[in-house]
Amino acid sequence: MAHINRTAIHSLEVPDGFETEGSFVVDLRNGGEATHVHLHLDDALSEVASLDAGNHYVAGGSNREVRVNVSAAEEPVRGKLKVVTAYGAETRYVDVTVEPGRKGSVAVDPELSKPRGAEGGSGGVTGGAATRGETGSAGGAGDGDAGVDINVGAVVTILPAVVFGAVAVILAAGAVLAPGGTDVTMALLAVVAAVLAAGYLLLQ
């Protein structure tokens, strides 16, 4: 804490020093007219601490907090914080000691020390059952699909024979029903179509 203009114009009162393990705030309390305050960290303190800005305006009769960011220190760091008011009218130094943070013990959850074999075994059995169930379901679905599948290759193979047979039937019917008696030409064509159909089937 720094008191400004409390006892007289441009007066400045600061503590001799303090210790910290982390970031801290400089509380600037102005008891008089508005003024400017400059804060500066020496080289030693700058190794572990930093300020966002050095110059700060403090309105009359008001307070302003300035944060000093401190990083973790492996060993004690000692330095000085310089406080200046009214562009050098008064200057004071504060001894700052940054101590390493305390290393506390880590609490361990008792549940973590219990064996997990039983839980793992149950999980394995359940997983196996689920896997078998899924496999069975997939197999069942596959069997159902196979029952309704049509062998397209077989249909294509016998299609010419079916066509020849149909042509033979049509020609035979035309020969019998032709006006004026049986049409010999159509009858012969029907025989040829039937022979082609039979021959195609034999070749397959």
N, C-alpha and C. Protein backbone atom coordinates (compact mmCIF):
# COMPACT_ATOMS: atom_id res chain seq x y z
N MET A 1 0.84 -1.19 0.00
CA MET A 1 0.00 0.00 0.00
C MET A 1 0.88 1.25 0.00
N ALA A 2 0.51 2.22 -0.82
CA ALA A 2 1.25 3.48 -0.88
C ALA A 2 0.29 4.63 -0.64
N HIS A 3 0.60 5.46 0.36
CA HIS A 3 -0.21 6.64 0.66
C HIS A 3 0.41 7.86 -0.01
N ILE A 4 -0.40 8.56 -0.79
CA ILE A 4 0.07 9.73 -1.54
C ILE A 4 -0.69 10.96 -1.05
N ASN A 5 0.05 12.06 -0.83
CA ASN A 5 -0.57 13.34 -0.43
C ASN A 5 -1.35 13.22 0.88
N ARG A 6 -0.95 12.31 1.76
CA ARG A 6 -1.71 12.16 2.99
C ARG A 6 -1.28 13.19 4.04
N THR A 7 -0.01 13.45 4.16
CA THR A 7 0.48 14.39 5.18
C THR A 7 0.84 15.75 4.61
N ALA A 8 1.14 15.79 3.32
CA ALA A 8 1.49 17.06 2.67
C ALA A 8 1.42 16.85 1.16
N ILE A 9 1.54 17.95 0.41
CA ILE A 9 1.51 17.85 -1.04
C ILE A 9 2.72 17.03 -1.51
N HIS A 10 2.47 16.08 -2.36
CA HIS A 10 3.49 15.19 -2.92
C HIS A 10 4.12 14.26 -1.88
N SER A 11 3.55 14.18 -0.69
CA SER A 11 4.12 13.24 0.29
C SER A 11 3.86 11.81 -0.17
N LEU A 12 4.76 10.91 0.22
CA LEU A 12 4.66 9.52 -0.22
C LEU A 12 5.10 8.61 0.92
N GLU A 13 4.23 7.68 1.29
CA GLU A 13 4.52 6.73 2.36
C GLU A 13 4.32 5.31 1.84
N VAL A 14 5.35 4.48 2.02
CA VAL A 14 5.29 3.08 1.57
C VAL A 14 5.86 2.19 2.66
N PRO A 15 5.52 0.91 2.69
CA PRO A 15 6.13 -0.01 3.67
C PRO A 15 7.59 -0.26 3.32
N ASP A 16 8.36 -0.68 4.32
CA ASP A 16 9.78 -0.95 4.08
C ASP A 16 9.95 -2.16 3.15
N GLY A 17 9.11 -3.14 3.32
CA GLY A 17 9.23 -4.33 2.48
C GLY A 17 8.14 -5.35 2.81
N PHE A 18 8.05 -6.40 2.00
CA PHE A 18 7.10 -7.48 2.25
C PHE A 18 7.52 -8.71 1.44
N GLU A 19 6.92 -9.86 1.79
CA GLU A 19 7.20 -11.11 1.10
C GLU A 19 5.94 -11.60 0.40
N THR A 20 6.14 -12.32 -0.70
CA THR A 20 5.00 -12.86 -1.46
C THR A 20 5.41 -14.16 -2.13
N GLU A 21 4.43 -15.00 -2.42
CA GLU A 21 4.67 -16.25 -3.15
C GLU A 21 4.06 -16.20 -4.55
N GLY A 22 3.41 -15.09 -4.87
CA GLY A 22 2.77 -14.99 -6.18
C GLY A 22 2.49 -13.54 -6.53
N SER A 23 1.62 -13.33 -7.48
CA SER A 23 1.28 -11.98 -7.93
C SER A 23 0.67 -11.17 -6.79
N PHE A 24 0.86 -9.86 -6.85
CA PHE A 24 0.33 -9.00 -5.79
C PHE A 24 -0.16 -7.69 -6.40
N VAL A 25 -0.82 -6.88 -5.57
CA VAL A 25 -1.40 -5.62 -6.02
C VAL A 25 -0.81 -4.47 -5.22
N VAL A 26 -0.40 -3.41 -5.92
CA VAL A 26 0.06 -2.18 -5.27
C VAL A 26 -1.14 -1.24 -5.18
N ASP A 27 -1.58 -0.95 -3.96
CA ASP A 27 -2.75 -0.11 -3.73
C ASP A 27 -2.30 1.34 -3.57
N LEU A 28 -2.58 2.15 -4.57
CA LEU A 28 -2.21 3.57 -4.54
C LEU A 28 -3.39 4.37 -3.99
N ARG A 29 -3.20 4.98 -2.82
CA ARG A 29 -4.27 5.75 -2.18
C ARG A 29 -3.89 7.23 -2.15
N ASN A 30 -4.65 8.01 -2.87
CA ASN A 30 -4.36 9.44 -2.99
C ASN A 30 -5.28 10.23 -2.06
N GLY A 31 -4.66 10.91 -1.08
CA GLY A 31 -5.45 11.70 -0.14
C GLY A 31 -5.53 13.16 -0.49
N GLY A 32 -5.01 13.55 -1.65
CA GLY A 32 -5.01 14.97 -2.02
C GLY A 32 -5.35 15.17 -3.47
N GLU A 33 -4.61 16.07 -4.12
CA GLU A 33 -4.88 16.40 -5.52
C GLU A 33 -4.43 15.27 -6.45
N ALA A 34 -4.97 15.31 -7.67
CA ALA A 34 -4.61 14.29 -8.66
C ALA A 34 -3.12 14.33 -8.93
N THR A 35 -2.56 13.16 -9.18
CA THR A 35 -1.12 13.08 -9.42
C THR A 35 -0.80 11.86 -10.28
N HIS A 36 0.43 11.82 -10.75
CA HIS A 36 0.92 10.67 -11.51
C HIS A 36 1.90 9.88 -10.65
N VAL A 37 1.81 8.56 -10.74
CA VAL A 37 2.70 7.68 -9.98
C VAL A 37 3.42 6.76 -10.97
N HIS A 38 4.72 6.64 -10.77
CA HIS A 38 5.52 5.76 -11.62
C HIS A 38 6.03 4.60 -10.79
N LEU A 39 5.83 3.37 -11.28
CA LEU A 39 6.31 2.16 -10.61
C LEU A 39 7.36 1.50 -11.49
N HIS A 40 8.41 0.98 -10.82
CA HIS A 40 9.51 0.35 -11.57
C HIS A 40 10.07 -0.81 -10.77
N LEU A 41 10.35 -1.93 -11.45
CA LEU A 41 10.97 -3.11 -10.82
C LEU A 41 12.44 -3.15 -11.19
N ASP A 42 13.31 -3.41 -10.19
CA ASP A 42 14.74 -3.47 -10.52
C ASP A 42 15.04 -4.77 -11.28
N ASP A 43 16.28 -4.94 -11.70
CA ASP A 43 16.65 -6.07 -12.54
C ASP A 43 16.39 -7.41 -11.86
N ALA A 44 16.72 -7.52 -10.58
CA ALA A 44 16.54 -8.79 -9.87
C ALA A 44 15.07 -9.17 -9.81
N LEU A 45 14.22 -8.21 -9.47
CA LEU A 45 12.79 -8.49 -9.35
C LEU A 45 12.15 -8.73 -10.72
N SER A 46 12.69 -8.10 -11.75
CA SER A 46 12.14 -8.27 -13.10
C SER A 46 12.34 -9.68 -13.63
N GLU A 47 13.23 -10.47 -13.00
CA GLU A 47 13.44 -11.84 -13.44
C GLU A 47 12.19 -12.69 -13.24
N VAL A 48 11.38 -12.35 -12.22
CA VAL A 48 10.20 -13.17 -11.92
C VAL A 48 8.91 -12.35 -11.89
N ALA A 49 9.00 -11.02 -12.03
CA ALA A 49 7.81 -10.18 -11.93
C ALA A 49 7.76 -9.20 -13.10
N SER A 50 6.54 -8.71 -13.38
CA SER A 50 6.37 -7.77 -14.49
C SER A 50 5.17 -6.88 -14.23
N LEU A 51 5.21 -5.68 -14.85
CA LEU A 51 4.12 -4.71 -14.78
C LEU A 51 3.55 -4.51 -16.18
N ASP A 52 2.22 -4.38 -16.28
CA ASP A 52 1.61 -4.09 -17.57
C ASP A 52 1.94 -2.67 -18.03
N ALA A 53 2.09 -1.75 -17.08
CA ALA A 53 2.43 -0.36 -17.39
C ALA A 53 3.16 0.24 -16.20
N GLY A 54 4.01 1.24 -16.47
CA GLY A 54 4.78 1.86 -15.40
C GLY A 54 4.17 3.13 -14.87
N ASN A 55 3.54 3.93 -15.73
CA ASN A 55 2.97 5.21 -15.32
C ASN A 55 1.47 5.08 -15.08
N HIS A 56 1.00 5.68 -13.97
CA HIS A 56 -0.40 5.54 -13.59
C HIS A 56 -0.93 6.88 -13.07
N TYR A 57 -2.10 7.25 -13.54
CA TYR A 57 -2.75 8.48 -13.08
C TYR A 57 -3.72 8.13 -11.96
N VAL A 58 -3.60 8.86 -10.84
CA VAL A 58 -4.48 8.62 -9.70
C VAL A 58 -5.25 9.92 -9.43
N ALA A 59 -6.55 9.87 -9.61
CA ALA A 59 -7.38 11.06 -9.40
C ALA A 59 -7.37 11.47 -7.93
N GLY A 60 -7.68 12.73 -7.68
CA GLY A 60 -7.68 13.24 -6.31
C GLY A 60 -8.71 12.53 -5.44
N GLY A 61 -8.30 12.17 -4.22
CA GLY A 61 -9.20 11.52 -3.28
C GLY A 61 -9.68 10.15 -3.72
N SER A 62 -8.89 9.43 -4.52
CA SER A 62 -9.31 8.11 -5.01
C SER A 62 -8.19 7.09 -4.82
N ASN A 63 -8.55 5.85 -5.06
CA ASN A 63 -7.59 4.75 -4.97
C ASN A 63 -7.43 4.10 -6.34
N ARG A 64 -6.26 3.51 -6.56
CA ARG A 64 -6.03 2.77 -7.80
C ARG A 64 -5.15 1.57 -7.49
N GLU A 65 -5.57 0.41 -7.99
CA GLU A 65 -4.81 -0.82 -7.76
C GLU A 65 -4.04 -1.19 -9.02
N VAL A 66 -2.76 -1.48 -8.83
CA VAL A 66 -1.89 -1.87 -9.95
C VAL A 66 -1.38 -3.28 -9.68
N ARG A 67 -1.64 -4.18 -10.59
CA ARG A 67 -1.26 -5.58 -10.40
C ARG A 67 0.18 -5.82 -10.88
N VAL A 68 0.92 -6.55 -10.06
CA VAL A 68 2.27 -6.98 -10.42
C VAL A 68 2.22 -8.50 -10.61
N ASN A 69 2.48 -8.95 -11.82
CA ASN A 69 2.41 -10.38 -12.14
C ASN A 69 3.72 -11.06 -11.76
N VAL A 70 3.61 -12.14 -11.00
CA VAL A 70 4.79 -12.86 -10.52
C VAL A 70 4.70 -14.31 -10.97
N SER A 71 5.76 -14.81 -11.58
CA SER A 71 5.83 -16.22 -11.97
C SER A 71 6.48 -17.03 -10.86
N ALA A 72 6.34 -18.36 -10.95
CA ALA A 72 6.86 -19.24 -9.91
C ALA A 72 8.38 -19.13 -9.82
N ALA A 73 8.88 -19.10 -8.60
CA ALA A 73 10.33 -19.01 -8.36
C ALA A 73 10.84 -20.31 -7.76
N GLU A 74 11.98 -20.78 -8.25
CA GLU A 74 12.58 -22.00 -7.72
C GLU A 74 13.30 -21.75 -6.40
N GLU A 75 13.74 -20.52 -6.19
CA GLU A 75 14.42 -20.13 -4.96
C GLU A 75 14.06 -18.68 -4.65
N PRO A 76 14.27 -18.22 -3.42
CA PRO A 76 13.89 -16.84 -3.07
C PRO A 76 14.56 -15.81 -3.97
N VAL A 77 13.77 -14.83 -4.39
CA VAL A 77 14.27 -13.73 -5.22
C VAL A 77 14.01 -12.43 -4.47
N ARG A 78 15.05 -11.61 -4.33
CA ARG A 78 14.92 -10.35 -3.60
C ARG A 78 15.23 -9.19 -4.54
N GLY A 79 14.34 -8.21 -4.53
CA GLY A 79 14.53 -7.04 -5.38
C GLY A 79 13.84 -5.83 -4.80
N LYS A 80 13.78 -4.75 -5.57
CA LYS A 80 13.18 -3.51 -5.08
C LYS A 80 12.11 -3.01 -6.06
N LEU A 81 11.04 -2.52 -5.46
CA LEU A 81 9.98 -1.85 -6.20
C LEU A 81 10.14 -0.35 -5.98
N LYS A 82 10.34 0.38 -7.06
CA LYS A 82 10.54 1.83 -6.98
C LYS A 82 9.20 2.54 -7.20
N VAL A 83 8.87 3.48 -6.29
CA VAL A 83 7.63 4.25 -6.38
C VAL A 83 7.99 5.73 -6.46
N VAL A 84 7.53 6.40 -7.52
CA VAL A 84 7.84 7.82 -7.74
C VAL A 84 6.54 8.58 -7.95
N THR A 85 6.39 9.75 -7.30
CA THR A 85 5.19 10.57 -7.48
C THR A 85 5.56 11.93 -8.07
N ALA A 86 4.58 12.52 -8.77
CA ALA A 86 4.70 13.88 -9.31
C ALA A 86 5.98 14.07 -10.11
N TYR A 87 6.25 13.11 -10.99
CA TYR A 87 7.39 13.20 -11.92
C TYR A 87 8.72 13.40 -11.19
N GLY A 88 8.89 12.70 -10.07
CA GLY A 88 10.16 12.73 -9.37
C GLY A 88 10.18 13.58 -8.12
N ALA A 89 9.04 14.15 -7.73
CA ALA A 89 9.01 14.97 -6.52
C ALA A 89 9.36 14.14 -5.29
N GLU A 90 8.88 12.90 -5.23
CA GLU A 90 9.20 12.00 -4.12
C GLU A 90 9.49 10.61 -4.70
N THR A 91 10.48 9.94 -4.11
CA THR A 91 10.85 8.59 -4.54
C THR A 91 11.05 7.70 -3.32
N ARG A 92 10.48 6.50 -3.37
CA ARG A 92 10.64 5.53 -2.28
C ARG A 92 10.92 4.16 -2.90
N TYR A 93 11.58 3.31 -2.07
CA TYR A 93 11.89 1.95 -2.51
C TYR A 93 11.30 0.95 -1.51
N VAL A 94 10.71 -0.10 -2.04
CA VAL A 94 10.13 -1.17 -1.21
C VAL A 94 10.89 -2.46 -1.50
N ASP A 95 11.40 -3.08 -0.43
CA ASP A 95 12.09 -4.37 -0.58
C ASP A 95 11.05 -5.48 -0.75
N VAL A 96 11.16 -6.21 -1.85
CA VAL A 96 10.21 -7.29 -2.15
C VAL A 96 10.97 -8.61 -2.22
N THR A 97 10.45 -9.62 -1.51
CA THR A 97 11.03 -10.96 -1.55
C THR A 97 9.99 -11.93 -2.10
N VAL A 98 10.32 -12.59 -3.19
CA VAL A 98 9.43 -13.59 -3.79
C VAL A 98 9.91 -14.96 -3.34
N GLU A 99 9.07 -15.64 -2.56
CA GLU A 99 9.42 -16.96 -2.03
C GLU A 99 8.87 -18.05 -2.95
N PRO A 100 9.57 -19.20 -3.03
CA PRO A 100 9.03 -20.33 -3.81
C PRO A 100 7.69 -20.77 -3.23
N GLY A 101 6.79 -21.21 -4.08
CA GLY A 101 5.49 -21.68 -3.61
C GLY A 101 5.63 -22.95 -2.79
N ARG A 102 4.75 -23.13 -1.83
CA ARG A 102 4.79 -24.33 -0.99
C ARG A 102 4.36 -25.54 -1.81
N LYS A 103 5.09 -26.63 -1.65
CA LYS A 103 4.77 -27.88 -2.35
C LYS A 103 3.99 -28.78 -1.41
N GLY A 104 2.70 -28.84 -1.60
CA GLY A 104 1.85 -29.67 -0.75
C GLY A 104 1.76 -31.08 -1.28
N SER A 105 1.32 -32.01 -0.41
CA SER A 105 1.14 -33.40 -0.83
C SER A 105 -0.11 -33.53 -1.67
N VAL A 106 -0.12 -34.52 -2.54
CA VAL A 106 -1.26 -34.75 -3.42
C VAL A 106 -2.12 -35.85 -2.82
N ALA A 107 -3.40 -35.55 -2.61
CA ALA A 107 -4.31 -36.55 -2.04
C ALA A 107 -4.68 -37.57 -3.10
N VAL A 108 -4.65 -38.87 -2.70
CA VAL A 108 -4.97 -39.96 -3.61
C VAL A 108 -6.32 -40.53 -3.24
N ASP A 109 -7.20 -40.67 -4.22
CA ASP A 109 -8.52 -41.23 -3.99
C ASP A 109 -8.38 -42.70 -3.61
N PRO A 110 -8.93 -43.14 -2.45
CA PRO A 110 -8.82 -44.55 -2.04
C PRO A 110 -9.38 -45.51 -3.08
N GLU A 111 -10.36 -45.07 -3.86
CA GLU A 111 -10.96 -45.95 -4.87
C GLU A 111 -9.94 -46.37 -5.92
N LEU A 112 -8.91 -45.53 -6.13
CA LEU A 112 -7.92 -45.84 -7.16
C LEU A 112 -7.04 -47.02 -6.77
N SER A 113 -6.97 -47.34 -5.46
CA SER A 113 -6.11 -48.44 -5.02
C SER A 113 -6.81 -49.79 -5.07
N LYS A 114 -8.13 -49.82 -5.36
CA LYS A 114 -8.85 -51.08 -5.41
C LYS A 114 -8.60 -51.78 -6.73
N PRO A 115 -8.47 -53.14 -6.71
CA PRO A 115 -8.27 -53.87 -7.98
C PRO A 115 -9.48 -53.74 -8.87
N ARG A 116 -9.24 -53.66 -10.14
CA ARG A 116 -10.31 -53.47 -11.11
C ARG A 116 -10.51 -54.69 -11.99
N GLY A 117 -9.95 -55.86 -11.57
CA GLY A 117 -10.04 -57.07 -12.38
C GLY A 117 -11.46 -57.54 -12.57
N ALA A 118 -12.26 -57.50 -11.46
CA ALA A 118 -13.64 -58.00 -11.56
C ALA A 118 -14.45 -57.17 -12.53
N GLU A 119 -14.27 -55.85 -12.42
CA GLU A 119 -15.02 -54.98 -13.33
C GLU A 119 -14.61 -55.23 -14.76
N GLY A 120 -13.28 -55.41 -14.97
CA GLY A 120 -12.80 -55.64 -16.33
C GLY A 120 -13.34 -56.94 -16.89
N GLY A 121 -13.41 -58.04 -15.98
CA GLY A 121 -13.92 -59.32 -16.45
C GLY A 121 -15.36 -59.22 -16.87
N SER A 122 -16.17 -58.55 -16.02
CA SER A 122 -17.58 -58.41 -16.36
C SER A 122 -17.74 -57.69 -17.68
N GLY A 123 -16.92 -56.64 -17.83
CA GLY A 123 -17.01 -55.89 -19.08
C GLY A 123 -16.68 -56.77 -20.27
N GLY A 124 -15.68 -57.69 -20.08
CA GLY A 124 -15.30 -58.55 -21.19
C GLY A 124 -16.42 -59.49 -21.57
N VAL A 125 -17.10 -60.09 -20.55
CA VAL A 125 -18.19 -61.03 -20.84
C VAL A 125 -19.32 -60.31 -21.53
N THR A 126 -19.66 -59.15 -20.99
CA THR A 126 -20.76 -58.39 -21.59
C THR A 126 -20.44 -58.02 -23.03
N GLY A 127 -19.19 -57.58 -23.23
CA GLY A 127 -18.80 -57.20 -24.58
C GLY A 127 -18.87 -58.38 -25.53
N GLY A 128 -18.45 -59.59 -25.04
CA GLY A 128 -18.50 -60.77 -25.90
C GLY A 128 -19.91 -61.12 -26.28
N ALA A 129 -20.82 -61.06 -25.26
CA ALA A 129 -22.22 -61.38 -25.54
C ALA A 129 -22.80 -60.41 -26.54
N ALA A 130 -22.46 -59.14 -26.34
CA ALA A 130 -22.98 -58.14 -27.26
C ALA A 130 -22.47 -58.39 -28.67
N THR A 131 -21.18 -58.78 -28.74
CA THR A 131 -20.60 -59.02 -30.06
C THR A 131 -21.27 -60.20 -30.74
N ARG A 132 -21.50 -61.28 -29.93
CA ARG A 132 -22.15 -62.44 -30.52
C ARG A 132 -23.56 -62.10 -30.96
N GLY A 133 -24.26 -61.30 -30.14
CA GLY A 133 -25.63 -60.92 -30.49
C GLY A 133 -25.67 -60.13 -31.77
N GLU A 134 -24.72 -59.20 -31.90
CA GLU A 134 -24.69 -58.40 -33.11
C GLU A 134 -24.36 -59.25 -34.32
N THR A 135 -23.43 -60.23 -34.13
CA THR A 135 -23.05 -61.09 -35.25
C THR A 135 -24.23 -61.94 -35.68
N GLY A 136 -24.97 -62.49 -34.67
CA GLY A 136 -26.12 -63.30 -34.99
C GLY A 136 -27.17 -62.52 -35.73
N SER A 137 -27.40 -61.28 -35.25
CA SER A 137 -28.40 -60.45 -35.92
C SER A 137 -28.00 -60.17 -37.34
N ALA A 138 -26.72 -59.89 -37.55
CA ALA A 138 -26.26 -59.60 -38.90
C ALA A 138 -26.40 -60.82 -39.78
N GLY A 139 -26.07 -62.02 -39.19
CA GLY A 139 -26.19 -63.25 -39.97
C GLY A 139 -27.62 -63.52 -40.34
N GLY A 140 -28.55 -63.29 -39.37
CA GLY A 140 -29.97 -63.52 -39.65
C GLY A 140 -30.45 -62.63 -40.77
N ALA A 141 -30.02 -61.37 -40.71
CA ALA A 141 -30.44 -60.44 -41.75
C ALA A 141 -29.90 -60.89 -43.10
N GLY A 142 -28.66 -61.41 -43.10
CA GLY A 142 -28.07 -61.87 -44.35
C GLY A 142 -28.82 -63.05 -44.91
N ASP A 143 -29.24 -64.02 -44.01
CA ASP A 143 -29.97 -65.20 -44.48
C ASP A 143 -31.29 -64.79 -45.10
N GLY A 144 -31.96 -63.82 -44.46
CA GLY A 144 -33.25 -63.39 -45.00
C GLY A 144 -33.10 -62.80 -46.38
N ASP A 145 -32.05 -62.01 -46.58
CA ASP A 145 -31.83 -61.41 -47.88
C ASP A 145 -31.54 -62.47 -48.94
N ALA A 146 -30.78 -63.53 -48.54
CA ALA A 146 -30.42 -64.58 -49.50
C ALA A 146 -31.66 -65.31 -49.99
N GLY A 147 -32.71 -65.42 -49.13
CA GLY A 147 -33.91 -66.15 -49.51
C GLY A 147 -34.68 -65.47 -50.63
N VAL A 148 -34.55 -64.18 -50.76
CA VAL A 148 -35.33 -63.46 -51.77
C VAL A 148 -34.47 -63.02 -52.95
N ASP A 149 -33.17 -63.36 -52.93
CA ASP A 149 -32.32 -62.98 -54.05
C ASP A 149 -32.68 -63.76 -55.31
N ILE A 150 -32.60 -63.14 -56.47
CA ILE A 150 -32.88 -63.78 -57.77
C ILE A 150 -31.55 -63.96 -58.50
N ASN A 151 -31.34 -65.18 -59.03
CA ASN A 151 -30.11 -65.46 -59.76
C ASN A 151 -30.22 -64.85 -61.15
N VAL A 152 -29.71 -63.64 -61.28
CA VAL A 152 -29.83 -62.92 -62.54
C VAL A 152 -29.07 -63.64 -63.65
N GLY A 153 -27.93 -64.24 -63.31
CA GLY A 153 -27.14 -64.93 -64.33
C GLY A 153 -27.89 -66.08 -64.97
N ALA A 154 -28.62 -66.85 -64.12
CA ALA A 154 -29.38 -67.98 -64.67
C ALA A 154 -30.50 -67.52 -65.60
N VAL A 155 -31.15 -66.40 -65.19
CA VAL A 155 -32.24 -65.87 -66.03
C VAL A 155 -31.70 -65.44 -67.38
N VAL A 156 -30.56 -64.76 -67.37
CA VAL A 156 -29.97 -64.31 -68.64
C VAL A 156 -29.58 -65.49 -69.51
N THR A 157 -29.12 -66.58 -68.87
CA THR A 157 -28.67 -67.75 -69.63
C THR A 157 -29.81 -68.42 -70.39
N ILE A 158 -30.97 -68.56 -69.74
CA ILE A 158 -32.08 -69.29 -70.38
C ILE A 158 -32.99 -68.38 -71.18
N LEU A 159 -32.74 -67.06 -71.13
CA LEU A 159 -33.64 -66.14 -71.81
C LEU A 159 -33.74 -66.40 -73.32
N PRO A 160 -32.62 -66.63 -74.06
CA PRO A 160 -32.75 -66.91 -75.50
C PRO A 160 -33.60 -68.14 -75.80
N ALA A 161 -33.43 -69.19 -74.97
CA ALA A 161 -34.23 -70.40 -75.19
C ALA A 161 -35.71 -70.12 -75.01
N VAL A 162 -36.03 -69.29 -73.99
CA VAL A 162 -37.42 -68.93 -73.76
C VAL A 162 -37.98 -68.16 -74.95
N VAL A 163 -37.16 -67.25 -75.49
CA VAL A 163 -37.61 -66.46 -76.64
C VAL A 163 -37.86 -67.36 -77.85
N PHE A 164 -36.90 -68.28 -78.14
CA PHE A 164 -37.09 -69.20 -79.27
C PHE A 164 -38.33 -70.07 -79.08
N GLY A 165 -38.53 -70.54 -77.85
CA GLY A 165 -39.70 -71.38 -77.58
C GLY A 165 -40.99 -70.63 -77.81
N ALA A 166 -41.00 -69.35 -77.34
CA ALA A 166 -42.21 -68.54 -77.52
C ALA A 166 -42.49 -68.30 -79.00
N VAL A 167 -41.42 -68.03 -79.76
CA VAL A 167 -41.59 -67.82 -81.21
C VAL A 167 -42.13 -69.08 -81.88
N ALA A 168 -41.60 -70.25 -81.45
CA ALA A 168 -42.07 -71.51 -82.04
C ALA A 168 -43.55 -71.73 -81.77
N VAL A 169 -43.99 -71.42 -80.54
CA VAL A 169 -45.41 -71.60 -80.19
C VAL A 169 -46.28 -70.68 -81.03
N ILE A 170 -45.82 -69.41 -81.17
CA ILE A 170 -46.62 -68.44 -81.93
C ILE A 170 -46.72 -68.87 -83.40
N LEU A 171 -45.59 -69.31 -83.98
CA LEU A 171 -45.60 -69.72 -85.39
C LEU A 171 -46.47 -70.96 -85.59
N ALA A 172 -46.38 -71.89 -84.64
CA ALA A 172 -47.20 -73.11 -84.76
C ALA A 172 -48.68 -72.77 -84.70
N ALA A 173 -49.03 -71.88 -83.78
CA ALA A 173 -50.44 -71.49 -83.67
C ALA A 173 -50.90 -70.78 -84.95
N GLY A 174 -50.01 -69.94 -85.51
CA GLY A 174 -50.37 -69.23 -86.73
C GLY A 174 -50.54 -70.18 -87.91
N ALA A 175 -49.68 -71.22 -87.95
CA ALA A 175 -49.78 -72.18 -89.05
C ALA A 175 -51.08 -72.96 -89.00
N VAL A 176 -51.51 -73.33 -87.79
CA VAL A 176 -52.75 -74.12 -87.64
C VAL A 176 -53.97 -73.27 -87.91
N LEU A 177 -53.94 -72.03 -87.45
CA LEU A 177 -55.12 -71.17 -87.55
C LEU A 177 -55.14 -70.35 -88.83
N ALA A 178 -54.19 -70.56 -89.72
CA ALA A 178 -54.14 -69.75 -90.95
C ALA A 178 -55.37 -70.03 -91.82
N PRO A 179 -55.91 -69.03 -92.50
CA PRO A 179 -57.08 -69.22 -93.37
C PRO A 179 -56.75 -70.18 -94.53
N GLY A 180 -57.65 -71.02 -94.82
CA GLY A 180 -57.47 -71.95 -95.94
C GLY A 180 -56.69 -73.19 -95.57
N GLY A 181 -56.47 -73.44 -94.29
CA GLY A 181 -55.76 -74.65 -93.88
C GLY A 181 -54.41 -74.35 -93.29
N THR A 182 -53.67 -75.41 -93.07
CA THR A 182 -52.37 -75.27 -92.40
C THR A 182 -51.36 -74.60 -93.33
N ASP A 183 -50.65 -73.59 -92.76
CA ASP A 183 -49.61 -72.87 -93.51
C ASP A 183 -48.30 -73.62 -93.30
N VAL A 184 -47.82 -74.25 -94.40
CA VAL A 184 -46.61 -75.08 -94.30
C VAL A 184 -45.39 -74.25 -93.93
N THR A 185 -45.30 -73.05 -94.48
CA THR A 185 -44.12 -72.21 -94.21
C THR A 185 -44.02 -71.85 -92.73
N MET A 186 -45.13 -71.43 -92.16
CA MET A 186 -45.13 -71.06 -90.75
C MET A 186 -44.86 -72.28 -89.88
N ALA A 187 -45.35 -73.43 -90.31
CA ALA A 187 -45.10 -74.65 -89.54
C ALA A 187 -43.62 -74.98 -89.54
N LEU A 188 -42.97 -74.83 -90.72
CA LEU A 188 -41.54 -75.09 -90.79
C LEU A 188 -40.75 -74.11 -89.92
N LEU A 189 -41.15 -72.85 -89.95
CA LEU A 189 -40.46 -71.85 -89.10
C LEU A 189 -40.64 -72.18 -87.62
N ALA A 190 -41.81 -72.67 -87.25
CA ALA A 190 -42.05 -73.04 -85.85
C ALA A 190 -41.13 -74.17 -85.45
N VAL A 191 -40.96 -75.15 -86.38
CA VAL A 191 -40.07 -76.28 -86.09
C VAL A 191 -38.63 -75.79 -85.91
N VAL A 192 -38.21 -74.87 -86.80
CA VAL A 192 -36.84 -74.33 -86.72
C VAL A 192 -36.62 -73.61 -85.38
N ALA A 193 -37.61 -72.79 -84.97
CA ALA A 193 -37.48 -72.07 -83.70
C ALA A 193 -37.39 -73.03 -82.53
N ALA A 194 -38.19 -74.10 -82.58
CA ALA A 194 -38.16 -75.08 -81.49
C ALA A 194 -36.82 -75.78 -81.43
N VAL A 195 -36.27 -76.12 -82.64
CA VAL A 195 -34.96 -76.79 -82.69
C VAL A 195 -33.88 -75.87 -82.13
N LEU A 196 -33.92 -74.58 -82.48
CA LEU A 196 -32.93 -73.63 -81.97
C LEU A 196 -32.99 -73.51 -80.44
N ALA A 197 -34.22 -73.48 -79.92
CA ALA A 197 -34.37 -73.39 -78.46
C ALA A 197 -33.80 -74.61 -77.79
N ALA A 198 -34.11 -75.80 -78.34
CA ALA A 198 -33.61 -77.04 -77.74
C ALA A 198 -32.09 -77.11 -77.85
N GLY A 199 -31.57 -76.72 -79.03
CA GLY A 199 -30.12 -76.76 -79.20
C GLY A 199 -29.39 -75.82 -78.27
N TYR A 200 -29.96 -74.64 -78.05
CA TYR A 200 -29.33 -73.67 -77.14
C TYR A 200 -29.25 -74.22 -75.72
N LEU A 201 -30.36 -74.86 -75.29
CA LEU A 201 -30.37 -75.42 -73.94
C LEU A 201 -29.36 -76.54 -73.80
N LEU A 202 -29.22 -77.37 -74.86
CA LEU A 202 -28.25 -78.46 -74.80
C LEU A 202 -26.82 -77.93 -74.72
N LEU A 203 -26.55 -76.84 -75.44
CA LEU A 203 -25.20 -76.27 -75.42
C LEU A 203 -24.86 -75.65 -74.07
N GLN A 204 -25.85 -75.17 -73.31
CA GLN A 204 -25.60 -74.58 -72.00
C GLN A 204 -25.34 -75.65 -70.95
